[in-house]
């Protein structure tokens, strides 16, 4: 049993000592009910090949309680069901914290509102109106998924995002 604890301790130590290799920040306007604008396409294109990233999507301005209510309302629309994230009701302007080990542009496209109703994502263009801040931290490809997950979990624990589950998809 102690082998697993030792494994976790090593990964935690590595996660604490790991620094990102690049950080990028974007401001994106989302218009509810509209497909991607040129700004969205440019950001997706720029980030398409990024791997081993952790990202934060944060609301800029607006009322977070109204944003939470808008997602709750969209989740009840059965005419066109979407796999939308868990609502945490934390009241945080950080909407979502996530990671991607593969091409991040594809994951970002889903969050911004690409038509893939069975994949859990924010699907923002389906219900959100306003500006978001996207921060992307890229890590060395040598960092394991487990260590990247610990870094994501720590960021999520500290920022308390309003939406999304905790932990890995593999748990």
N, C-alpha and C. Protein backbone atom coordinates (compact mmCIF):
# COMPACT_ATOMS: atom_id res chain seq x y z
N UNK A 1 0.82 -1.20 0.00
CA UNK A 1 0.00 0.00 0.00
C UNK A 1 0.86 1.26 0.00
N UNK A 2 1.97 1.23 0.67
CA UNK A 2 2.80 2.43 0.76
C UNK A 2 3.43 2.79 -0.59
N UNK A 3 3.49 1.85 -1.54
CA UNK A 3 4.04 2.16 -2.85
C UNK A 3 3.24 3.25 -3.55
N UNK A 4 1.92 3.17 -3.44
CA UNK A 4 1.08 4.19 -4.06
C UNK A 4 1.30 5.54 -3.39
N UNK A 5 1.40 5.54 -2.07
CA UNK A 5 1.65 6.79 -1.35
C UNK A 5 2.99 7.40 -1.77
N UNK A 6 3.98 6.57 -1.94
CA UNK A 6 5.29 7.05 -2.39
C UNK A 6 5.20 7.64 -3.79
N UNK A 7 4.44 6.96 -4.64
CA UNK A 7 4.21 7.45 -6.01
C UNK A 7 3.55 8.83 -5.97
N UNK A 8 2.51 8.98 -5.14
CA UNK A 8 1.84 10.27 -5.00
C UNK A 8 2.78 11.34 -4.46
N UNK A 9 3.56 10.99 -3.45
CA UNK A 9 4.49 11.95 -2.87
C UNK A 9 5.50 12.44 -3.91
N UNK A 10 6.02 11.52 -4.72
CA UNK A 10 6.97 11.92 -5.78
C UNK A 10 6.29 12.85 -6.78
N UNK A 11 5.06 12.50 -7.18
CA UNK A 11 4.36 13.34 -8.14
C UNK A 11 4.02 14.71 -7.56
N UNK A 12 3.63 14.76 -6.30
CA UNK A 12 3.33 16.04 -5.66
C UNK A 12 4.60 16.90 -5.60
N UNK A 13 5.69 16.30 -5.25
CA UNK A 13 6.96 17.03 -5.20
C UNK A 13 7.32 17.57 -6.59
N UNK A 14 7.15 16.73 -7.61
CA UNK A 14 7.43 17.18 -8.98
C UNK A 14 6.49 18.30 -9.39
N UNK A 15 5.20 18.16 -9.07
CA UNK A 15 4.22 19.19 -9.43
C UNK A 15 4.55 20.53 -8.77
N UNK A 16 4.95 20.50 -7.51
CA UNK A 16 5.31 21.73 -6.79
C UNK A 16 6.50 22.44 -7.43
N UNK A 17 7.40 21.66 -8.02
CA UNK A 17 8.63 22.21 -8.58
C UNK A 17 8.57 22.44 -10.09
N UNK A 18 7.43 22.18 -10.69
CA UNK A 18 7.28 22.33 -12.14
C UNK A 18 6.82 23.73 -12.48
N UNK A 19 7.48 24.32 -13.45
CA UNK A 19 7.08 25.64 -13.94
C UNK A 19 6.64 25.53 -15.39
N UNK A 20 5.68 26.35 -15.78
CA UNK A 20 5.22 26.34 -17.16
C UNK A 20 6.31 26.89 -18.07
N UNK A 21 6.28 26.50 -19.35
CA UNK A 21 7.28 26.99 -20.30
C UNK A 21 6.76 28.20 -21.08
N UNK A 22 5.43 28.37 -21.12
CA UNK A 22 4.87 29.57 -21.74
C UNK A 22 3.50 29.85 -21.16
N UNK A 23 3.12 31.12 -21.22
CA UNK A 23 1.80 31.55 -20.74
C UNK A 23 1.23 32.49 -21.79
N UNK A 24 0.00 32.24 -22.17
CA UNK A 24 -0.68 33.10 -23.15
C UNK A 24 -2.01 33.54 -22.57
N UNK A 25 -2.40 34.77 -22.89
CA UNK A 25 -3.67 35.30 -22.40
C UNK A 25 -4.43 35.94 -23.55
N UNK A 26 -5.73 35.72 -23.54
CA UNK A 26 -6.61 36.22 -24.59
C UNK A 26 -7.88 36.75 -23.97
N UNK A 27 -8.49 37.73 -24.64
CA UNK A 27 -9.84 38.18 -24.31
C UNK A 27 -10.70 37.88 -25.53
N UNK A 28 -11.82 37.20 -25.30
CA UNK A 28 -12.66 36.74 -26.40
C UNK A 28 -14.10 37.17 -26.12
N UNK A 29 -14.75 37.73 -27.12
CA UNK A 29 -16.17 38.09 -27.02
C UNK A 29 -16.99 36.89 -27.51
N UNK A 30 -17.99 36.49 -26.71
CA UNK A 30 -18.89 35.40 -27.05
C UNK A 30 -20.29 35.98 -27.20
N UNK A 31 -20.93 35.69 -28.32
CA UNK A 31 -22.30 36.14 -28.56
C UNK A 31 -23.21 34.93 -28.55
N UNK A 32 -24.08 34.85 -27.57
CA UNK A 32 -24.99 33.71 -27.43
C UNK A 32 -25.80 33.53 -28.71
N UNK A 33 -25.88 32.29 -29.16
CA UNK A 33 -26.67 31.97 -30.34
C UNK A 33 -25.96 32.19 -31.65
N UNK A 34 -24.73 32.67 -31.63
CA UNK A 34 -23.98 32.90 -32.87
C UNK A 34 -22.81 31.94 -32.97
N UNK A 35 -22.47 31.56 -34.16
CA UNK A 35 -21.30 30.71 -34.38
C UNK A 35 -20.04 31.53 -34.14
N UNK A 36 -18.92 30.93 -34.31
CA UNK A 36 -17.64 31.59 -34.02
C UNK A 36 -17.43 32.83 -34.86
N UNK A 37 -16.90 33.85 -34.21
CA UNK A 37 -16.49 35.03 -34.93
C UNK A 37 -15.02 34.87 -35.33
N UNK A 38 -14.49 35.82 -36.09
CA UNK A 38 -13.10 35.73 -36.54
C UNK A 38 -12.12 35.67 -35.38
N UNK A 39 -12.43 36.41 -34.32
CA UNK A 39 -11.58 36.43 -33.13
C UNK A 39 -11.45 35.03 -32.53
N UNK A 40 -12.58 34.33 -32.40
CA UNK A 40 -12.57 32.95 -31.88
C UNK A 40 -11.73 32.05 -32.77
N UNK A 41 -11.95 32.15 -34.07
CA UNK A 41 -11.22 31.30 -35.02
C UNK A 41 -9.72 31.55 -34.95
N UNK A 42 -9.32 32.81 -34.80
CA UNK A 42 -7.89 33.14 -34.72
C UNK A 42 -7.25 32.52 -33.47
N UNK A 43 -7.93 32.62 -32.34
CA UNK A 43 -7.40 32.06 -31.09
C UNK A 43 -7.32 30.54 -31.19
N UNK A 44 -8.37 29.91 -31.70
CA UNK A 44 -8.38 28.45 -31.87
C UNK A 44 -7.23 28.03 -32.77
N UNK A 45 -7.05 28.73 -33.86
CA UNK A 45 -5.99 28.41 -34.82
C UNK A 45 -4.61 28.55 -34.18
N UNK A 46 -4.42 29.62 -33.42
CA UNK A 46 -3.12 29.85 -32.77
C UNK A 46 -2.80 28.77 -31.74
N UNK A 47 -3.82 28.27 -31.06
CA UNK A 47 -3.60 27.28 -29.99
C UNK A 47 -3.82 25.84 -30.44
N UNK A 48 -4.13 25.64 -31.70
CA UNK A 48 -4.52 24.32 -32.17
C UNK A 48 -3.51 23.23 -31.85
N UNK A 49 -2.24 23.48 -32.05
CA UNK A 49 -1.23 22.44 -31.86
C UNK A 49 -0.60 22.42 -30.47
N UNK A 50 -1.07 23.26 -29.57
CA UNK A 50 -0.51 23.27 -28.21
C UNK A 50 -0.88 21.99 -27.48
N UNK A 51 0.09 21.41 -26.81
CA UNK A 51 -0.11 20.19 -26.03
C UNK A 51 0.39 20.41 -24.62
N UNK A 52 -0.09 19.57 -23.70
CA UNK A 52 0.30 19.64 -22.28
C UNK A 52 0.03 21.03 -21.71
N UNK A 53 -1.23 21.42 -21.78
CA UNK A 53 -1.62 22.74 -21.29
C UNK A 53 -2.63 22.62 -20.15
N UNK A 54 -2.61 23.63 -19.31
CA UNK A 54 -3.66 23.86 -18.32
C UNK A 54 -4.25 25.22 -18.68
N UNK A 55 -5.57 25.33 -18.59
CA UNK A 55 -6.21 26.58 -19.00
C UNK A 55 -7.29 26.99 -18.01
N UNK A 56 -7.51 28.30 -17.99
CA UNK A 56 -8.56 28.89 -17.17
C UNK A 56 -9.43 29.76 -18.06
N UNK A 57 -10.74 29.59 -17.94
CA UNK A 57 -11.70 30.45 -18.63
C UNK A 57 -12.41 31.26 -17.55
N UNK A 58 -12.32 32.58 -17.67
CA UNK A 58 -12.84 33.48 -16.64
C UNK A 58 -13.77 34.50 -17.28
N UNK A 59 -14.86 34.76 -16.60
CA UNK A 59 -15.79 35.79 -17.05
C UNK A 59 -15.20 37.16 -16.77
N UNK A 60 -15.35 38.08 -17.73
CA UNK A 60 -14.91 39.46 -17.53
C UNK A 60 -16.16 40.32 -17.38
N UNK A 61 -16.29 40.96 -16.25
CA UNK A 61 -17.46 41.80 -16.01
C UNK A 61 -18.72 40.96 -15.90
N UNK A 62 -19.84 41.61 -15.88
CA UNK A 62 -21.10 40.88 -15.77
C UNK A 62 -21.34 40.38 -14.36
N UNK A 63 -22.45 39.70 -14.18
CA UNK A 63 -22.88 39.20 -12.89
C UNK A 63 -22.78 37.67 -12.91
N UNK A 64 -21.90 37.11 -12.10
CA UNK A 64 -21.67 35.67 -12.12
C UNK A 64 -22.94 34.90 -11.74
N UNK A 65 -23.78 35.46 -10.87
CA UNK A 65 -25.01 34.76 -10.51
C UNK A 65 -25.94 34.66 -11.72
N UNK A 66 -25.96 35.67 -12.59
CA UNK A 66 -26.75 35.61 -13.81
C UNK A 66 -26.18 34.58 -14.78
N UNK A 67 -24.85 34.47 -14.79
CA UNK A 67 -24.20 33.48 -15.65
C UNK A 67 -24.56 32.07 -15.19
N UNK A 68 -24.52 31.84 -13.90
CA UNK A 68 -24.88 30.53 -13.35
C UNK A 68 -26.34 30.20 -13.68
N UNK A 69 -27.23 31.19 -13.53
CA UNK A 69 -28.64 30.97 -13.85
C UNK A 69 -28.83 30.67 -15.34
N UNK A 70 -28.05 31.35 -16.20
CA UNK A 70 -28.15 31.11 -17.65
C UNK A 70 -27.76 29.67 -17.98
N UNK A 71 -26.72 29.16 -17.34
CA UNK A 71 -26.32 27.77 -17.59
C UNK A 71 -27.37 26.80 -17.04
N UNK A 72 -27.88 27.10 -15.86
CA UNK A 72 -28.94 26.24 -15.29
C UNK A 72 -30.13 26.16 -16.25
N UNK A 73 -30.52 27.29 -16.79
CA UNK A 73 -31.65 27.34 -17.72
C UNK A 73 -31.33 26.54 -18.98
N UNK A 74 -30.11 26.69 -19.51
CA UNK A 74 -29.74 25.96 -20.74
C UNK A 74 -29.71 24.46 -20.50
N UNK A 75 -29.33 24.05 -19.30
CA UNK A 75 -29.27 22.62 -18.98
C UNK A 75 -30.66 21.98 -18.99
N UNK A 76 -31.70 22.78 -18.78
CA UNK A 76 -33.06 22.23 -18.74
C UNK A 76 -33.71 22.18 -20.13
N UNK A 77 -33.08 22.77 -21.14
CA UNK A 77 -33.62 22.78 -22.49
C UNK A 77 -33.44 21.40 -23.12
N UNK A 78 -34.51 20.65 -23.21
CA UNK A 78 -34.44 19.27 -23.71
C UNK A 78 -34.60 19.18 -25.23
N UNK A 79 -34.92 20.31 -25.89
CA UNK A 79 -35.08 20.28 -27.34
C UNK A 79 -33.76 19.97 -28.04
N UNK A 80 -32.67 20.49 -27.50
CA UNK A 80 -31.34 20.26 -28.06
C UNK A 80 -30.39 20.04 -26.88
N UNK A 81 -30.38 18.83 -26.33
CA UNK A 81 -29.56 18.58 -25.14
C UNK A 81 -28.07 18.65 -25.42
N UNK A 82 -27.35 19.17 -24.45
CA UNK A 82 -25.90 19.29 -24.52
C UNK A 82 -25.28 18.68 -23.27
N UNK A 83 -24.08 18.14 -23.41
CA UNK A 83 -23.33 17.65 -22.26
C UNK A 83 -22.63 18.87 -21.65
N UNK A 84 -23.31 19.49 -20.70
CA UNK A 84 -22.80 20.71 -20.05
C UNK A 84 -22.19 20.35 -18.71
N UNK A 85 -21.25 21.18 -18.23
CA UNK A 85 -20.53 20.84 -17.00
C UNK A 85 -21.40 20.97 -15.74
N UNK A 86 -20.90 20.33 -14.71
CA UNK A 86 -21.49 20.42 -13.38
C UNK A 86 -21.44 21.88 -12.92
N UNK A 87 -22.48 22.31 -12.22
CA UNK A 87 -22.53 23.67 -11.67
C UNK A 87 -22.10 23.59 -10.21
N UNK A 88 -21.06 24.34 -9.86
CA UNK A 88 -20.52 24.30 -8.50
C UNK A 88 -21.08 25.41 -7.61
N UNK A 89 -21.72 26.41 -8.19
CA UNK A 89 -22.28 27.54 -7.43
C UNK A 89 -21.27 28.18 -6.48
N UNK A 90 -20.01 28.23 -6.90
CA UNK A 90 -18.99 28.83 -6.03
C UNK A 90 -19.04 30.35 -6.07
N UNK A 91 -19.67 30.89 -7.11
CA UNK A 91 -19.72 32.34 -7.25
C UNK A 91 -18.44 32.93 -7.80
N UNK A 92 -17.53 32.08 -8.24
CA UNK A 92 -16.24 32.53 -8.76
C UNK A 92 -16.38 33.02 -10.20
N UNK A 93 -15.67 34.09 -10.55
CA UNK A 93 -15.65 34.55 -11.93
C UNK A 93 -14.85 33.59 -12.82
N UNK A 94 -14.05 32.71 -12.19
CA UNK A 94 -13.41 31.65 -12.96
C UNK A 94 -14.51 30.65 -13.30
N UNK A 95 -14.78 30.53 -14.58
CA UNK A 95 -15.85 29.64 -15.01
C UNK A 95 -15.38 28.19 -15.05
N UNK A 96 -14.13 27.98 -15.48
CA UNK A 96 -13.69 26.60 -15.74
C UNK A 96 -12.17 26.54 -15.70
N UNK A 97 -11.66 25.44 -15.17
CA UNK A 97 -10.24 25.13 -15.20
C UNK A 97 -10.12 23.74 -15.80
N UNK A 98 -9.22 23.58 -16.77
CA UNK A 98 -9.07 22.28 -17.40
C UNK A 98 -7.65 22.07 -17.89
N UNK A 99 -7.43 20.91 -18.48
CA UNK A 99 -6.13 20.60 -19.06
C UNK A 99 -6.34 19.82 -20.34
N UNK A 100 -5.32 19.82 -21.17
CA UNK A 100 -5.36 19.07 -22.42
C UNK A 100 -3.96 18.60 -22.73
N UNK A 101 -3.81 17.30 -22.96
CA UNK A 101 -2.48 16.78 -23.32
C UNK A 101 -2.33 16.70 -24.83
N UNK A 102 -3.44 16.76 -25.55
CA UNK A 102 -3.39 16.71 -27.01
C UNK A 102 -3.63 18.10 -27.58
N UNK A 103 -3.93 18.19 -28.85
CA UNK A 103 -4.13 19.48 -29.50
C UNK A 103 -5.23 20.27 -28.80
N UNK A 104 -4.85 21.35 -28.16
CA UNK A 104 -5.77 22.13 -27.34
C UNK A 104 -6.84 22.84 -28.16
N UNK A 105 -6.53 23.20 -29.40
CA UNK A 105 -7.51 23.93 -30.22
C UNK A 105 -8.83 23.20 -30.35
N UNK A 106 -8.78 21.88 -30.45
CA UNK A 106 -10.01 21.08 -30.57
C UNK A 106 -10.84 21.18 -29.29
N UNK A 107 -10.18 21.13 -28.15
CA UNK A 107 -10.90 21.24 -26.87
C UNK A 107 -11.47 22.64 -26.70
N UNK A 108 -10.70 23.64 -27.05
CA UNK A 108 -11.16 25.03 -26.94
C UNK A 108 -12.37 25.25 -27.84
N UNK A 109 -12.34 24.69 -29.03
CA UNK A 109 -13.47 24.82 -29.96
C UNK A 109 -14.77 24.32 -29.30
N UNK A 110 -14.69 23.23 -28.55
CA UNK A 110 -15.87 22.70 -27.86
C UNK A 110 -16.35 23.66 -26.78
N UNK A 111 -15.43 24.21 -26.00
CA UNK A 111 -15.82 25.15 -24.95
C UNK A 111 -16.47 26.40 -25.53
N UNK A 112 -15.96 26.87 -26.66
CA UNK A 112 -16.51 28.08 -27.24
C UNK A 112 -17.85 27.82 -27.92
N UNK A 113 -18.13 26.56 -28.28
CA UNK A 113 -19.46 26.26 -28.77
C UNK A 113 -19.55 25.41 -30.01
N UNK A 114 -18.52 24.65 -30.36
CA UNK A 114 -18.61 23.76 -31.52
C UNK A 114 -19.70 22.73 -31.29
N UNK A 115 -20.28 22.28 -32.36
CA UNK A 115 -21.40 21.36 -32.28
C UNK A 115 -20.93 19.93 -32.01
N UNK A 116 -20.83 19.58 -30.76
CA UNK A 116 -20.51 18.23 -30.34
C UNK A 116 -21.28 17.98 -29.05
N UNK A 117 -22.59 17.76 -29.16
CA UNK A 117 -23.47 17.76 -27.99
C UNK A 117 -23.19 16.69 -26.93
N UNK A 118 -22.47 15.63 -27.28
CA UNK A 118 -22.23 14.56 -26.31
C UNK A 118 -20.92 14.71 -25.54
N UNK A 119 -20.12 15.69 -25.91
CA UNK A 119 -18.85 15.92 -25.22
C UNK A 119 -19.03 17.00 -24.18
N UNK A 120 -18.66 16.70 -22.93
CA UNK A 120 -18.79 17.68 -21.86
C UNK A 120 -17.86 18.86 -22.11
N UNK A 121 -18.45 20.05 -22.17
CA UNK A 121 -17.73 21.29 -22.38
C UNK A 121 -18.66 22.44 -22.01
N UNK A 122 -18.14 23.65 -21.99
CA UNK A 122 -18.97 24.80 -21.67
C UNK A 122 -19.97 25.14 -22.77
N UNK A 123 -19.63 24.91 -24.04
CA UNK A 123 -20.52 25.23 -25.16
C UNK A 123 -21.03 26.67 -25.02
N UNK A 124 -20.11 27.60 -24.79
CA UNK A 124 -20.47 28.97 -24.43
C UNK A 124 -21.40 29.66 -25.43
N UNK A 125 -21.18 29.47 -26.72
CA UNK A 125 -22.02 30.19 -27.69
C UNK A 125 -23.48 29.76 -27.65
N UNK A 126 -23.77 28.70 -26.92
CA UNK A 126 -25.15 28.23 -26.77
C UNK A 126 -25.92 28.96 -25.67
N UNK A 127 -25.22 29.67 -24.78
CA UNK A 127 -25.95 30.25 -23.65
C UNK A 127 -25.30 31.49 -23.04
N UNK A 128 -24.04 31.79 -23.34
CA UNK A 128 -23.31 32.87 -22.68
C UNK A 128 -23.16 34.07 -23.60
N UNK A 129 -23.34 35.26 -23.04
CA UNK A 129 -23.15 36.51 -23.78
C UNK A 129 -22.19 37.37 -22.98
N UNK A 130 -21.04 37.68 -23.55
CA UNK A 130 -20.10 38.55 -22.87
C UNK A 130 -18.66 38.22 -23.20
N UNK A 131 -17.75 38.80 -22.43
CA UNK A 131 -16.32 38.60 -22.66
C UNK A 131 -15.77 37.59 -21.67
N UNK A 132 -14.83 36.79 -22.17
CA UNK A 132 -14.10 35.87 -21.31
C UNK A 132 -12.61 36.14 -21.45
N UNK A 133 -11.92 35.78 -20.41
CA UNK A 133 -10.46 35.79 -20.42
C UNK A 133 -10.02 34.34 -20.48
N UNK A 134 -9.13 34.02 -21.39
CA UNK A 134 -8.57 32.68 -21.51
C UNK A 134 -7.09 32.76 -21.19
N UNK A 135 -6.67 32.02 -20.19
CA UNK A 135 -5.24 31.93 -19.85
C UNK A 135 -4.81 30.50 -20.08
N UNK A 136 -3.70 30.34 -20.80
CA UNK A 136 -3.20 29.02 -21.16
C UNK A 136 -1.74 28.91 -20.72
N UNK A 137 -1.48 27.92 -19.86
CA UNK A 137 -0.12 27.64 -19.41
C UNK A 137 0.33 26.36 -20.09
N UNK A 138 1.44 26.41 -20.80
CA UNK A 138 1.95 25.22 -21.46
C UNK A 138 3.13 24.67 -20.67
N UNK A 139 3.14 23.33 -20.55
CA UNK A 139 4.18 22.63 -19.79
C UNK A 139 4.99 21.74 -20.71
N UNK A 140 6.19 21.44 -20.28
CA UNK A 140 7.09 20.56 -21.02
C UNK A 140 6.38 19.23 -21.30
N UNK A 141 6.61 18.69 -22.48
CA UNK A 141 5.98 17.42 -22.86
C UNK A 141 6.48 16.25 -22.03
N UNK A 142 7.59 16.43 -21.32
CA UNK A 142 8.13 15.37 -20.47
C UNK A 142 7.31 15.20 -19.18
N UNK A 143 6.49 16.19 -18.84
CA UNK A 143 5.68 16.12 -17.63
C UNK A 143 4.60 15.07 -17.83
N UNK A 144 4.45 14.18 -16.87
CA UNK A 144 3.45 13.11 -17.00
C UNK A 144 2.03 13.66 -16.84
N UNK A 145 1.06 12.88 -17.33
CA UNK A 145 -0.35 13.25 -17.17
C UNK A 145 -0.72 13.38 -15.70
N UNK A 146 -0.18 12.48 -14.88
CA UNK A 146 -0.50 12.51 -13.45
C UNK A 146 -0.02 13.81 -12.79
N UNK A 147 1.18 14.25 -13.15
CA UNK A 147 1.70 15.49 -12.59
C UNK A 147 0.91 16.68 -13.12
N UNK A 148 0.61 16.68 -14.41
CA UNK A 148 -0.20 17.75 -14.99
C UNK A 148 -1.56 17.82 -14.29
N UNK A 149 -2.14 16.65 -13.99
CA UNK A 149 -3.43 16.60 -13.29
C UNK A 149 -3.34 17.20 -11.90
N UNK A 150 -2.25 16.93 -11.20
CA UNK A 150 -2.05 17.51 -9.86
C UNK A 150 -1.94 19.04 -9.94
N UNK A 151 -1.26 19.54 -10.95
CA UNK A 151 -1.12 20.99 -11.12
C UNK A 151 -2.50 21.60 -11.42
N UNK A 152 -3.27 20.95 -12.29
CA UNK A 152 -4.62 21.41 -12.59
C UNK A 152 -5.50 21.38 -11.34
N UNK A 153 -5.44 20.28 -10.59
CA UNK A 153 -6.25 20.15 -9.38
C UNK A 153 -5.92 21.25 -8.37
N UNK A 154 -4.65 21.59 -8.24
CA UNK A 154 -4.24 22.64 -7.32
C UNK A 154 -4.79 24.00 -7.76
N UNK A 155 -4.69 24.28 -9.06
CA UNK A 155 -5.22 25.54 -9.58
C UNK A 155 -6.74 25.61 -9.38
N UNK A 156 -7.41 24.51 -9.66
CA UNK A 156 -8.85 24.46 -9.48
C UNK A 156 -9.24 24.62 -8.01
N UNK A 157 -8.50 23.98 -7.12
CA UNK A 157 -8.76 24.11 -5.69
C UNK A 157 -8.64 25.57 -5.25
N UNK A 158 -7.64 26.28 -5.76
CA UNK A 158 -7.42 27.68 -5.37
C UNK A 158 -8.40 28.65 -6.02
N UNK A 159 -8.79 28.40 -7.27
CA UNK A 159 -9.66 29.33 -8.00
C UNK A 159 -11.15 29.03 -7.83
N UNK A 160 -11.49 27.81 -7.42
CA UNK A 160 -12.88 27.39 -7.18
C UNK A 160 -13.81 27.76 -8.35
N UNK A 161 -13.56 27.16 -9.52
CA UNK A 161 -14.38 27.52 -10.69
C UNK A 161 -15.87 27.25 -10.46
N UNK A 162 -16.70 28.06 -11.11
CA UNK A 162 -18.14 27.93 -10.98
C UNK A 162 -18.68 26.69 -11.67
N UNK A 163 -17.95 26.17 -12.67
CA UNK A 163 -18.42 25.03 -13.44
C UNK A 163 -17.32 23.98 -13.58
N UNK A 164 -17.74 22.74 -13.71
CA UNK A 164 -16.81 21.64 -14.00
C UNK A 164 -16.61 20.73 -12.81
N UNK A 165 -16.27 19.50 -13.13
CA UNK A 165 -16.02 18.52 -12.07
C UNK A 165 -14.59 18.65 -11.58
N UNK A 166 -14.32 18.01 -10.49
CA UNK A 166 -12.97 17.99 -9.94
C UNK A 166 -12.29 16.69 -10.34
N UNK A 167 -11.00 16.76 -10.58
CA UNK A 167 -10.24 15.55 -10.86
C UNK A 167 -10.24 15.14 -12.31
N UNK A 168 -9.54 14.07 -12.56
CA UNK A 168 -9.31 13.54 -13.90
C UNK A 168 -10.53 12.84 -14.45
N UNK A 169 -10.59 12.74 -15.78
CA UNK A 169 -11.63 11.95 -16.42
C UNK A 169 -11.40 10.46 -16.25
N UNK A 170 -10.21 10.10 -15.82
CA UNK A 170 -9.86 8.68 -15.71
C UNK A 170 -10.12 8.11 -14.32
N UNK A 171 -10.64 8.92 -13.40
CA UNK A 171 -10.87 8.46 -12.02
C UNK A 171 -12.23 7.85 -11.89
